[in-house]
Amino acid sequence: MTTPYVERPLAAPLVDASSEAFWSAARDGRLTTRRCQSCGKLHWYPRPICPYCQGDTDWEALSGLGSVYSVSVTRKAGPHAYAIAYVTLDEGITVLSNIVDCDLDTVRIGQRVKVVFKSAEDGQPVPMFAPA
């Protein structure tokens, strides 16, 4: 069986004061998150207050490389199938995203992936992952 990736419309993300730097970096083709100034932990999703110790955070660039932790291919949700996955980045955090640009039936746990950016309806690049 083969399930090819097909581009689908992506809703425009909500951009506010706390996420503007993230989306600005995405427009430059960079994946970022925040690191706590107090405890030093990275966390996803990016937010100004550390979820571990309530400390202040700073933006940090990520490599955009990781491995598939878990994946599910959804075939009945609409006209096009898509793969939703947890990706554990090389920096140690796990993000929920889509796997794109491949036969979705070939995606496997442990597979290496890299960040790619797909345009939302408003043109904003949205980070997703493709086989590395």
C-alpha atoms as a PDB file:
ATOM      1  CA  MET A   1       0.000   0.000   0.000  1.00  0.00           C
ATOM      2  CA  THR A   2       1.172   3.504  -0.719  1.00  0.00           C
ATOM      3  CA  THR A   3      -0.180   6.750   0.654  1.00  0.00           C
ATOM      4  CA  PRO A   4       1.500   9.715  -1.046  1.00  0.00           C
ATOM      5  CA  TYR A   5       1.782  13.045   0.735  1.00  0.00           C
ATOM      6  CA  VAL A   6      -0.515  15.650  -0.831  1.00  0.00           C
ATOM      7  CA  GLU A   7      -0.333  19.338   0.012  1.00  0.00           C
ATOM      8  CA  ARG A   8      -3.412  20.449   1.943  1.00  0.00           C
ATOM      9  CA  PRO A   9      -4.630  23.868   3.114  1.00  0.00           C
ATOM     10  CA  LEU A  10      -3.139  24.931   6.448  1.00  0.00           C
ATOM     11  CA  ALA A  11      -4.979  27.405   8.632  1.00  0.00           C
ATOM     12  CA  ALA A  12      -3.096  30.592   9.360  1.00  0.00           C
ATOM     13  CA  PRO A  13      -1.430  30.433  12.785  1.00  0.00           C
ATOM     14  CA  LEU A  14      -2.378  32.806  15.570  1.00  0.00           C
ATOM     15  CA  VAL A  15       0.495  35.251  15.928  1.00  0.00           C
ATOM     16  CA  ASP A  16       0.577  37.290  19.129  1.00  0.00           C
ATOM     17  CA  ALA A  17       3.224  39.108  21.170  1.00  0.00           C
ATOM     18  CA  SER A  18       4.480  35.911  22.807  1.00  0.00           C
ATOM     19  CA  SER A  19       4.804  33.983  19.512  1.00  0.00           C
ATOM     20  CA  GLU A  20       5.897  36.704  17.068  1.00  0.00           C
ATOM     21  CA  ALA A  21       9.620  35.836  17.397  1.00  0.00           C
ATOM     22  CA  PHE A  22       8.866  32.143  16.690  1.00  0.00           C
ATOM     23  CA  TRP A  23       6.940  32.952  13.508  1.00  0.00           C
ATOM     24  CA  SER A  24       9.514  35.525  12.444  1.00  0.00           C
ATOM     25  CA  ALA A  25      12.247  32.867  12.741  1.00  0.00           C
ATOM     26  CA  ALA A  26      10.060  30.477  10.722  1.00  0.00           C
ATOM     27  CA  ARG A  27       9.851  33.094   7.960  1.00  0.00           C
ATOM     28  CA  ASP A  28      13.675  32.990   7.947  1.00  0.00           C
ATOM     29  CA  GLY A  29      13.636  29.169   7.745  1.00  0.00           C
ATOM     30  CA  ARG A  30      14.698  28.637  11.374  1.00  0.00           C
ATOM     31  CA  LEU A  31      13.072  26.489  14.064  1.00  0.00           C
ATOM     32  CA  THR A  32      13.270  27.997  17.554  1.00  0.00           C
ATOM     33  CA  THR A  33      12.025  27.430  21.064  1.00  0.00           C
ATOM     34  CA  ARG A  34      12.761  28.867  24.495  1.00  0.00           C
ATOM     35  CA  ARG A  35      15.269  27.935  27.206  1.00  0.00           C
ATOM     36  CA  CYS A  36      14.824  28.822  30.862  1.00  0.00           C
ATOM     37  CA  GLN A  37      17.366  31.301  32.261  1.00  0.00           C
ATOM     38  CA  SER A  38      17.026  29.730  35.732  1.00  0.00           C
ATOM     39  CA  CYS A  39      16.907  25.928  35.312  1.00  0.00           C
ATOM     40  CA  GLY A  40      18.393  25.773  31.801  1.00  0.00           C
ATOM     41  CA  LYS A  41      15.698  23.485  30.371  1.00  0.00           C
ATOM     42  CA  LEU A  42      14.403  23.742  26.825  1.00  0.00           C
ATOM     43  CA  HIS A  43      10.668  23.363  26.445  1.00  0.00           C
ATOM     44  CA  TRP A  44       8.065  22.986  23.726  1.00  0.00           C
ATOM     45  CA  TYR A  45       5.840  24.747  22.989  1.00  0.00           C
ATOM     46  CA  PRO A  46       7.711  28.063  23.294  1.00  0.00           C
ATOM     47  CA  ARG A  47       6.380  30.284  26.060  1.00  0.00           C
ATOM     48  CA  PRO A  48       7.803  33.209  28.031  1.00  0.00           C
ATOM     49  CA  ILE A  49       7.564  31.496  31.447  1.00  0.00           C
ATOM     50  CA  CYS A  50       9.301  28.163  32.126  1.00  0.00           C
ATOM     51  CA  PRO A  51       6.765  25.368  32.764  1.00  0.00           C
ATOM     52  CA  TYR A  52       9.256  23.650  35.108  1.00  0.00           C
ATOM     53  CA  CYS A  53      10.359  26.416  37.488  1.00  0.00           C
ATOM     54  CA  GLN A  54       8.413  29.533  36.400  1.00  0.00           C
ATOM     55  CA  GLY A  55      11.662  31.289  35.385  1.00  0.00           C
ATOM     56  CA  ASP A  56      12.097  33.698  32.492  1.00  0.00           C
ATOM     57  CA  THR A  57      13.074  32.252  29.115  1.00  0.00           C
ATOM     58  CA  ASP A  58      15.148  33.262  26.092  1.00  0.00           C
ATOM     59  CA  TRP A  59      14.794  32.262  22.445  1.00  0.00           C
ATOM     60  CA  GLU A  60      17.173  29.607  21.139  1.00  0.00           C
ATOM     61  CA  ALA A  61      17.694  28.185  17.645  1.00  0.00           C
ATOM     62  CA  LEU A  62      17.236  24.436  17.150  1.00  0.00           C
ATOM     63  CA  SER A  63      18.972  22.160  14.655  1.00  0.00           C
ATOM     64  CA  GLY A  64      15.673  21.027  13.152  1.00  0.00           C
ATOM     65  CA  LEU A  65      16.905  17.408  13.179  1.00  0.00           C
ATOM     66  CA  GLY A  66      15.298  14.576  15.089  1.00  0.00           C
ATOM     67  CA  SER A  67      13.681  11.151  15.088  1.00  0.00           C
ATOM     68  CA  VAL A  68      10.084   9.991  14.841  1.00  0.00           C
ATOM     69  CA  TYR A  69       8.896   8.978  18.315  1.00  0.00           C
ATOM     70  CA  SER A  70       5.337   8.068  17.309  1.00  0.00           C
ATOM     71  CA  VAL A  71       3.326   8.406  14.103  1.00  0.00           C
ATOM     72  CA  SER A  72      -0.231   7.914  12.883  1.00  0.00           C
ATOM     73  CA  VAL A  73      -1.467   8.218   9.306  1.00  0.00           C
ATOM     74  CA  THR A  74      -4.984   9.641   9.133  1.00  0.00           C
ATOM     75  CA  ARG A  75      -6.806   8.631   5.973  1.00  0.00           C
ATOM     76  CA  LYS A  76     -10.485   9.346   6.721  1.00  0.00           C
ATOM     77  CA  ALA A  77     -10.379  12.935   8.037  1.00  0.00           C
ATOM     78  CA  GLY A  78     -10.819  14.628   4.692  1.00  0.00           C
ATOM     79  CA  PRO A  79      -9.897  14.458   1.047  1.00  0.00           C
ATOM     80  CA  HIS A  80      -6.192  13.900   1.757  1.00  0.00           C
ATOM     81  CA  ALA A  81      -4.356  11.603   4.131  1.00  0.00           C
ATOM     82  CA  TYR A  82      -1.765  13.099   6.455  1.00  0.00           C
ATOM     83  CA  ALA A  83       0.727  11.854   9.034  1.00  0.00           C
ATOM     84  CA  ILE A  84       0.777  13.331  12.512  1.00  0.00           C
ATOM     85  CA  ALA A  85       3.810  12.507  14.609  1.00  0.00           C
ATOM     86  CA  TYR A  86       5.722  13.228  17.757  1.00  0.00           C
ATOM     87  CA  VAL A  87       9.277  14.093  16.768  1.00  0.00           C
ATOM     88  CA  THR A  88      12.040  14.041  19.372  1.00  0.00           C
ATOM     89  CA  LEU A  89      14.549  16.679  18.347  1.00  0.00           C
ATOM     90  CA  ASP A  90      18.287  16.132  18.786  1.00  0.00           C
ATOM     91  CA  GLU A  91      18.150  18.771  21.535  1.00  0.00           C
ATOM     92  CA  GLY A  92      15.927  16.445  23.600  1.00  0.00           C
ATOM     93  CA  ILE A  93      12.480  18.025  23.369  1.00  0.00           C
ATOM     94  CA  THR A  94       9.505  16.365  21.650  1.00  0.00           C
ATOM     95  CA  VAL A  95       7.201  18.283  19.318  1.00  0.00           C
ATOM     96  CA  LEU A  96       3.877  17.376  17.723  1.00  0.00           C
ATOM     97  CA  SER A  97       3.906  17.989  13.988  1.00  0.00           C
ATOM     98  CA  ASN A  98       3.196  16.514  10.562  1.00  0.00           C
ATOM     99  CA  ILE A  99       5.449  14.329   8.415  1.00  0.00           C
ATOM    100  CA  VAL A 100       5.461  15.520   4.796  1.00  0.00           C
ATOM    101  CA  ASP A 101       7.108  15.069   1.390  1.00  0.00           C
ATOM    102  CA  CYS A 102       7.170  11.252   1.369  1.00  0.00           C
ATOM    103  CA  ASP A 103       5.061   8.111   1.037  1.00  0.00           C
ATOM    104  CA  LEU A 104       3.268   8.294   4.382  1.00  0.00           C
ATOM    105  CA  ASP A 105       3.190   4.489   4.671  1.00  0.00           C
ATOM    106  CA  THR A 106       7.000   4.409   4.819  1.00  0.00           C
ATOM    107  CA  VAL A 107       7.309   6.593   7.952  1.00  0.00           C
ATOM    108  CA  ARG A 108       8.637   4.547  10.867  1.00  0.00           C
ATOM    109  CA  ILE A 109       9.381   5.064  14.552  1.00  0.00           C
ATOM    110  CA  GLY A 110      13.047   5.949  14.942  1.00  0.00           C
ATOM    111  CA  GLN A 111      13.301   7.366  11.411  1.00  0.00           C
ATOM    112  CA  ARG A 112      15.486  10.454  11.088  1.00  0.00           C
ATOM    113  CA  VAL A 113      13.673  13.618  10.020  1.00  0.00           C
ATOM    114  CA  LYS A 114      14.469  17.274   9.385  1.00  0.00           C
ATOM    115  CA  VAL A 115      12.386  20.401   9.631  1.00  0.00           C
ATOM    116  CA  VAL A 116      10.795  21.808   6.486  1.00  0.00           C
ATOM    117  CA  PHE A 117       8.412  24.735   6.233  1.00  0.00           C
ATOM    118  CA  LYS A 118       5.012  24.619   4.517  1.00  0.00           C
ATOM    119  CA  SER A 119       3.001  27.756   3.775  1.00  0.00           C
ATOM    120  CA  ALA A 120      -0.255  28.392   5.604  1.00  0.00           C
ATOM    121  CA  GLU A 121      -3.205  30.064   3.872  1.00  0.00           C
ATOM    122  CA  ASP A 122      -1.776  33.495   4.743  1.00  0.00           C
ATOM    123  CA  GLY A 123       1.711  32.572   3.495  1.00  0.00           C
ATOM    124  CA  GLN A 124       3.196  32.097   6.991  1.00  0.00           C
ATOM    125  CA  PRO A 125       5.704  29.211   6.975  1.00  0.00           C
ATOM    126  CA  VAL A 126       4.720  26.429   9.404  1.00  0.00           C
ATOM    127  CA  PRO A 127       7.372  23.952  10.609  1.00  0.00           C
ATOM    128  CA  MET A 128       6.806  20.312   9.715  1.00  0.00           C
ATOM    129  CA  PHE A 129       9.159  17.363   9.218  1.00  0.00           C
ATOM    130  CA  ALA A 130      10.318  15.298   6.246  1.00  0.00           C
ATOM    131  CA  PRO A 131      12.620  12.273   6.060  1.00  0.00           C
ATOM    132  CA  ALA A 132      16.248  13.362   6.482  1.00  0.00           C
END
